[in-house]
Amino acid sequence: MMKSLFGGCFILLLLLDVAHNVESRRHDDDDAGGAMTMTTRRTRSSCSVTRPDNGNFPNAGLNQGSPSWYYPYGISDKDNDNLPSGRFSDNMVQSDFLGTQDSWIRSSTSTVTDEMVRIVNQLQDLGVSKVLVNTVPPLGCTPWTTSRFSSYDYCDQRTNSISDVHNKYLTDKLGNKDGVLLLDVNTIVTSLLQSSQFQDHKSRPCCETKDQDGYCGQYAGQTPQFTVCRDPGQYLYWDFLHPTHAGWKAIMQRLQSAIRDFLDI
């Protein structure tokens, strides 16, 4: 199948790493974004989408600077099971109210999707006859987001709403465009999160870091700061954002028929 799929002339636009541009971050985290995203802080693109900073510090144990990660902070946050999430309040703070405004979400997502449309048009002008475009997966269900809310057991619907708005704009702008196929990665990942294959681990990553600000592959001297699961095939996510081999295989199996029909192979 793989030789057939990649034998034709087509382009696949990937926009799967945008979670770095959704969650609030400390001001000194500018270089922590993923290297492959189209809108990361690392590239400092003009269309970067960044949620307002909520002013919290990482949870490095209870001390004077980090009580927001402990009771009674967050006791009114029903969306987070009334648990603390680093906010110096019983629930949302000013930046949350600003960040959840419908107009703000639409203005971020509109800019990003406009840029994707521009790229598609440019590719077609260059002679690319077939363009595949991924929808954004449910960002509120990625380990990078869920680990901050409820130990991977709970999807943050406020973050998912950004994915939903983005995908709606993408569908409106590219859904009926000749030579373009939207790949509904969002629906497939949502389904896989509840499937028997991955349900035991839900959004838990196979490669898991020891602290909230760590990453898969991080070492302190010679000491690894991460653990790796025994069977990656039972996990949808490899690290805090990216699927495992088994995850991508499951996604592509569900997309195979539509892709083959579109490419006429």
Protein backbone atom coordinates (compact mmCIF):
# COMPACT_ATOMS: atom_id res chain seq x y z
CA MET A 1 0.00 0.00 0.00
CA MET A 2 2.73 2.49 0.96
CA LYS A 3 4.51 2.28 -2.41
CA SER A 4 1.21 2.83 -4.20
CA LEU A 5 0.21 5.78 -2.07
CA PHE A 6 3.47 7.63 -2.47
CA GLY A 7 3.94 6.85 -6.13
CA GLY A 8 1.61 9.58 -7.37
CA CYS A 9 2.04 13.33 -7.51
CA PHE A 10 0.38 14.80 -4.47
CA ILE A 11 1.11 16.86 -1.38
CA LEU A 12 -0.03 16.23 2.20
CA LEU A 13 -0.29 19.27 4.44
CA LEU A 14 0.27 18.32 8.06
CA LEU A 15 -0.91 20.51 10.91
CA LEU A 16 -0.75 18.18 13.89
CA ASP A 17 1.65 20.01 16.20
CA VAL A 18 -0.42 23.10 16.91
CA ALA A 19 -1.01 22.23 20.53
CA HIS A 20 2.10 24.21 21.45
CA ASN A 21 0.24 27.31 20.34
CA VAL A 22 -2.94 26.67 22.32
CA GLU A 23 -1.97 26.00 25.91
CA SER A 24 -0.81 28.85 28.13
CA ARG A 25 2.92 28.95 28.83
CA ARG A 26 5.43 30.87 30.92
CA HIS A 27 7.10 33.83 29.27
CA ASP A 28 10.51 32.12 29.23
CA ASP A 29 9.19 29.11 27.25
CA ASP A 30 9.52 30.63 23.79
CA ASP A 31 11.88 27.97 22.48
CA ALA A 32 9.97 24.95 23.78
CA GLY A 33 7.75 24.47 20.71
CA GLY A 34 7.96 21.50 18.34
CA ALA A 35 10.21 21.82 15.33
CA MET A 36 7.69 20.52 12.79
CA THR A 37 4.63 22.68 13.40
CA MET A 38 3.64 25.31 10.83
CA THR A 39 2.90 27.85 13.55
CA THR A 40 5.28 27.15 16.41
CA ARG A 41 6.89 29.69 18.65
CA ARG A 42 10.29 28.41 17.44
CA THR A 43 9.63 29.68 13.93
CA ARG A 44 8.03 32.84 15.30
CA SER A 45 5.56 32.81 12.42
CA SER A 46 3.28 35.78 12.04
CA CYS A 47 0.29 33.45 12.28
CA SER A 48 1.30 31.88 15.60
CA VAL A 49 -1.62 31.23 17.91
CA THR A 50 -0.87 31.61 21.58
CA ARG A 51 -3.30 31.47 24.47
CA PRO A 52 -2.82 34.29 26.99
CA ASP A 53 -0.38 33.50 29.80
CA ASN A 54 -2.09 32.68 33.10
CA GLY A 55 0.98 33.57 35.16
CA ASN A 56 1.49 30.19 36.82
CA PHE A 57 4.75 28.49 37.70
CA PRO A 58 5.49 24.79 37.03
CA ASN A 59 4.58 22.37 39.80
CA ALA A 60 7.91 21.61 41.44
CA GLY A 61 6.47 20.68 44.82
CA LEU A 62 4.53 22.76 47.32
CA ASN A 63 6.31 26.00 48.12
CA GLN A 64 5.54 29.70 48.30
CA GLY A 65 5.66 30.06 44.53
CA SER A 66 3.48 27.09 43.58
CA PRO A 67 0.43 26.76 45.88
CA SER A 68 -1.81 27.09 42.81
CA TRP A 69 -1.19 23.40 42.08
CA TYR A 70 -2.66 22.35 45.42
CA TYR A 71 -5.94 22.46 47.37
CA PRO A 72 -7.95 24.68 47.78
CA TYR A 73 -7.05 26.23 44.41
CA GLY A 74 -9.42 25.14 41.65
CA ILE A 75 -12.23 24.00 43.95
CA SER A 76 -14.87 25.67 41.70
CA ASP A 77 -13.42 24.35 38.43
CA LYS A 78 -16.08 21.79 37.48
CA ASP A 79 -14.53 21.27 34.03
CA ASN A 80 -11.39 20.09 35.82
CA ASP A 81 -13.14 17.92 38.44
CA ASN A 82 -12.70 20.73 40.98
CA LEU A 83 -8.96 20.15 41.04
CA PRO A 84 -6.12 22.72 40.96
CA SER A 85 -4.53 23.42 37.58
CA GLY A 86 -1.90 26.04 38.37
CA ARG A 87 -4.30 28.97 38.38
CA PHE A 88 -4.22 31.37 41.32
CA SER A 89 -7.98 31.21 41.75
CA ASP A 90 -10.76 28.82 42.65
CA ASN A 91 -11.44 28.42 38.90
CA MET A 92 -10.68 30.56 35.82
CA VAL A 93 -8.45 33.63 35.81
CA GLN A 94 -8.48 36.73 33.60
CA SER A 95 -6.52 35.18 30.74
CA ASP A 96 -8.91 32.21 30.66
CA PHE A 97 -11.90 34.49 30.17
CA LEU A 98 -10.04 36.33 27.46
CA GLY A 99 -8.86 33.11 25.82
CA THR A 100 -12.30 31.53 25.70
CA GLN A 101 -13.96 34.44 23.95
CA ASP A 102 -15.54 33.19 20.74
CA SER A 103 -14.24 36.11 18.75
CA TRP A 104 -10.67 35.43 19.87
CA ILE A 105 -10.85 31.76 18.91
CA ARG A 106 -12.31 32.57 15.50
CA SER A 107 -9.66 35.26 14.84
CA SER A 108 -6.84 32.77 15.61
CA THR A 109 -8.19 29.93 13.56
CA SER A 110 -9.25 32.15 10.67
CA THR A 111 -5.69 33.39 10.20
CA VAL A 112 -4.23 29.87 10.28
CA THR A 113 -6.74 28.42 7.82
CA ASP A 114 -6.34 31.38 5.47
CA GLU A 115 -2.62 30.61 5.37
CA MET A 116 -3.33 26.95 4.60
CA VAL A 117 -5.63 27.96 1.74
CA ARG A 118 -2.86 30.21 0.39
CA ILE A 119 -0.39 27.31 0.49
CA VAL A 120 -2.85 24.98 -1.28
CA ASN A 121 -3.42 27.58 -4.01
CA GLN A 122 0.31 28.07 -4.39
CA LEU A 123 0.90 24.33 -4.73
CA GLN A 124 -1.82 24.02 -7.34
CA ASP A 125 -0.37 26.95 -9.27
CA LEU A 126 2.91 25.05 -9.33
CA GLY A 127 1.19 22.08 -10.95
CA VAL A 128 0.40 19.83 -7.97
CA SER A 129 -2.86 18.16 -8.97
CA LYS A 130 -3.74 16.40 -5.69
CA VAL A 131 -3.43 17.93 -2.23
CA LEU A 132 -4.29 16.10 1.00
CA VAL A 133 -4.98 18.27 4.06
CA ASN A 134 -5.29 16.94 7.60
CA THR A 135 -7.87 18.30 9.98
CA VAL A 136 -6.55 19.14 13.43
CA PRO A 137 -6.98 16.31 15.96
CA PRO A 138 -8.78 16.93 19.28
CA LEU A 139 -6.00 18.94 20.93
CA GLY A 140 -7.75 18.83 24.29
CA CYS A 141 -7.32 15.04 24.34
CA THR A 142 -3.58 14.91 23.70
CA PRO A 143 -1.32 13.84 26.59
CA TRP A 144 0.25 17.31 26.52
CA THR A 145 -3.10 18.78 27.55
CA THR A 146 -4.75 15.99 29.54
CA SER A 147 -1.74 15.43 31.80
CA ARG A 148 -2.24 18.95 33.10
CA PHE A 149 -5.86 18.35 33.99
CA SER A 150 -6.61 14.83 35.19
CA SER A 151 -3.83 12.29 34.69
CA TYR A 152 -4.80 11.60 31.08
CA ASP A 153 -8.40 10.63 31.88
CA TYR A 154 -10.17 13.81 30.83
CA CYS A 155 -10.29 15.79 27.60
CA ASP A 156 -10.29 19.56 28.00
CA GLN A 157 -13.30 20.69 25.99
CA ARG A 158 -12.21 24.32 25.97
CA THR A 159 -9.09 23.33 24.06
CA ASN A 160 -11.06 20.96 21.84
CA SER A 161 -13.31 23.85 20.84
CA ILE A 162 -10.31 25.48 19.15
CA SER A 163 -9.81 22.32 17.09
CA ASP A 164 -13.51 22.31 16.20
CA VAL A 165 -13.54 25.91 15.02
CA HIS A 166 -10.32 25.42 13.05
CA ASN A 167 -11.73 22.36 11.30
CA LYS A 168 -15.01 24.10 10.50
CA TYR A 169 -13.14 26.94 8.83
CA LEU A 170 -10.96 24.45 6.99
CA THR A 171 -14.04 22.60 5.72
CA ASP A 172 -15.73 25.82 4.65
CA LYS A 173 -12.66 27.01 2.75
CA LEU A 174 -11.25 23.79 1.29
CA GLY A 175 -13.97 21.15 1.60
CA ASN A 176 -15.37 21.70 -1.92
CA LYS A 177 -12.17 22.79 -3.63
CA ASP A 178 -11.21 20.75 -6.70
CA GLY A 179 -8.07 18.66 -6.26
CA VAL A 180 -8.19 18.82 -2.44
CA LEU A 181 -9.13 16.07 0.00
CA LEU A 182 -9.62 16.83 3.68
CA LEU A 183 -8.54 13.91 5.86
CA ASP A 184 -10.75 13.82 8.94
CA VAL A 185 -8.04 12.99 11.46
CA ASN A 186 -10.08 14.64 14.22
CA THR A 187 -13.02 12.23 14.01
CA ILE A 188 -10.75 9.21 13.67
CA VAL A 189 -8.59 10.07 16.68
CA THR A 190 -11.70 10.79 18.75
CA SER A 191 -13.02 7.34 17.83
CA LEU A 192 -9.70 5.61 18.53
CA LEU A 193 -9.52 7.12 22.01
CA GLN A 194 -12.63 5.10 22.84
CA SER A 195 -11.70 1.98 20.88
CA SER A 196 -10.91 -1.35 22.53
CA GLN A 197 -7.39 -1.19 21.11
CA PHE A 198 -6.38 1.91 23.05
CA GLN A 199 -9.10 2.42 25.66
CA ASP A 200 -7.05 0.96 28.53
CA HIS A 201 -4.57 3.82 28.22
CA LYS A 202 -6.78 6.55 26.73
CA SER A 203 -4.53 9.60 26.31
CA ARG A 204 -1.60 8.30 28.35
CA PRO A 205 1.64 8.36 26.30
CA CYS A 206 3.93 5.36 25.96
CA CYS A 207 6.99 7.55 26.58
CA GLU A 208 6.09 9.49 29.72
CA THR A 209 8.11 12.20 31.43
CA LYS A 210 8.62 12.42 35.16
CA ASP A 211 7.64 16.06 35.47
CA GLN A 212 5.23 18.38 33.76
CA ASP A 213 7.89 20.42 31.96
CA GLY A 214 9.94 17.42 30.84
CA TYR A 215 9.93 15.62 27.51
CA CYS A 216 10.47 12.16 26.07
CA GLY A 217 14.21 11.59 25.61
CA GLN A 218 15.26 14.08 28.31
CA TYR A 219 18.25 13.19 30.51
CA ALA A 220 19.73 14.70 33.64
CA GLY A 221 23.35 13.74 33.21
CA GLN A 222 23.15 10.00 32.53
CA THR A 223 19.76 9.58 34.23
CA PRO A 224 16.71 9.35 31.99
CA GLN A 225 13.85 11.64 32.98
CA PHE A 226 11.27 9.50 31.22
CA THR A 227 9.83 5.99 31.18
CA VAL A 228 8.82 3.88 28.19
CA CYS A 229 5.89 1.47 28.19
CA ARG A 230 6.42 -2.24 27.57
CA ASP A 231 4.09 -2.46 24.57
CA PRO A 232 3.78 0.67 22.39
CA GLY A 233 1.22 -1.19 20.28
CA GLN A 234 -1.32 -0.72 23.06
CA TYR A 235 -0.93 3.07 23.09
CA LEU A 236 -2.36 5.66 20.73
CA TYR A 237 0.22 8.30 21.71
CA TRP A 238 3.98 7.84 21.70
CA ASP A 239 4.88 11.07 23.51
CA PHE A 240 3.01 14.13 24.74
CA LEU A 241 1.60 14.89 21.28
CA HIS A 242 2.53 12.40 18.57
CA PRO A 243 0.89 9.02 17.83
CA THR A 244 2.72 5.71 18.07
CA HIS A 245 3.35 3.49 15.05
CA ALA A 246 0.20 1.59 16.04
CA GLY A 247 -1.69 4.86 16.35
CA TRP A 248 -0.71 6.06 12.87
CA LYS A 249 -1.39 2.62 11.44
CA ALA A 250 -4.91 2.68 12.88
CA ILE A 251 -5.48 6.20 11.56
CA MET A 252 -4.22 5.38 8.07
CA GLN A 253 -6.24 2.17 7.88
CA ARG A 254 -9.38 4.25 8.31
CA LEU A 255 -8.22 6.77 5.70
CA GLN A 256 -6.90 4.28 3.16
CA SER A 257 -10.06 3.86 1.10
CA ALA A 258 -10.74 7.59 0.74
CA ILE A 259 -7.10 8.31 -0.17
CA ARG A 260 -6.93 5.57 -2.77
CA ASP A 261 -10.18 6.73 -4.38
CA PHE A 262 -8.98 10.33 -4.43
CA LEU A 263 -5.63 9.43 -5.98
CA ASP A 264 -7.23 6.90 -8.31
CA ILE A 265 -4.82 4.11 -7.38
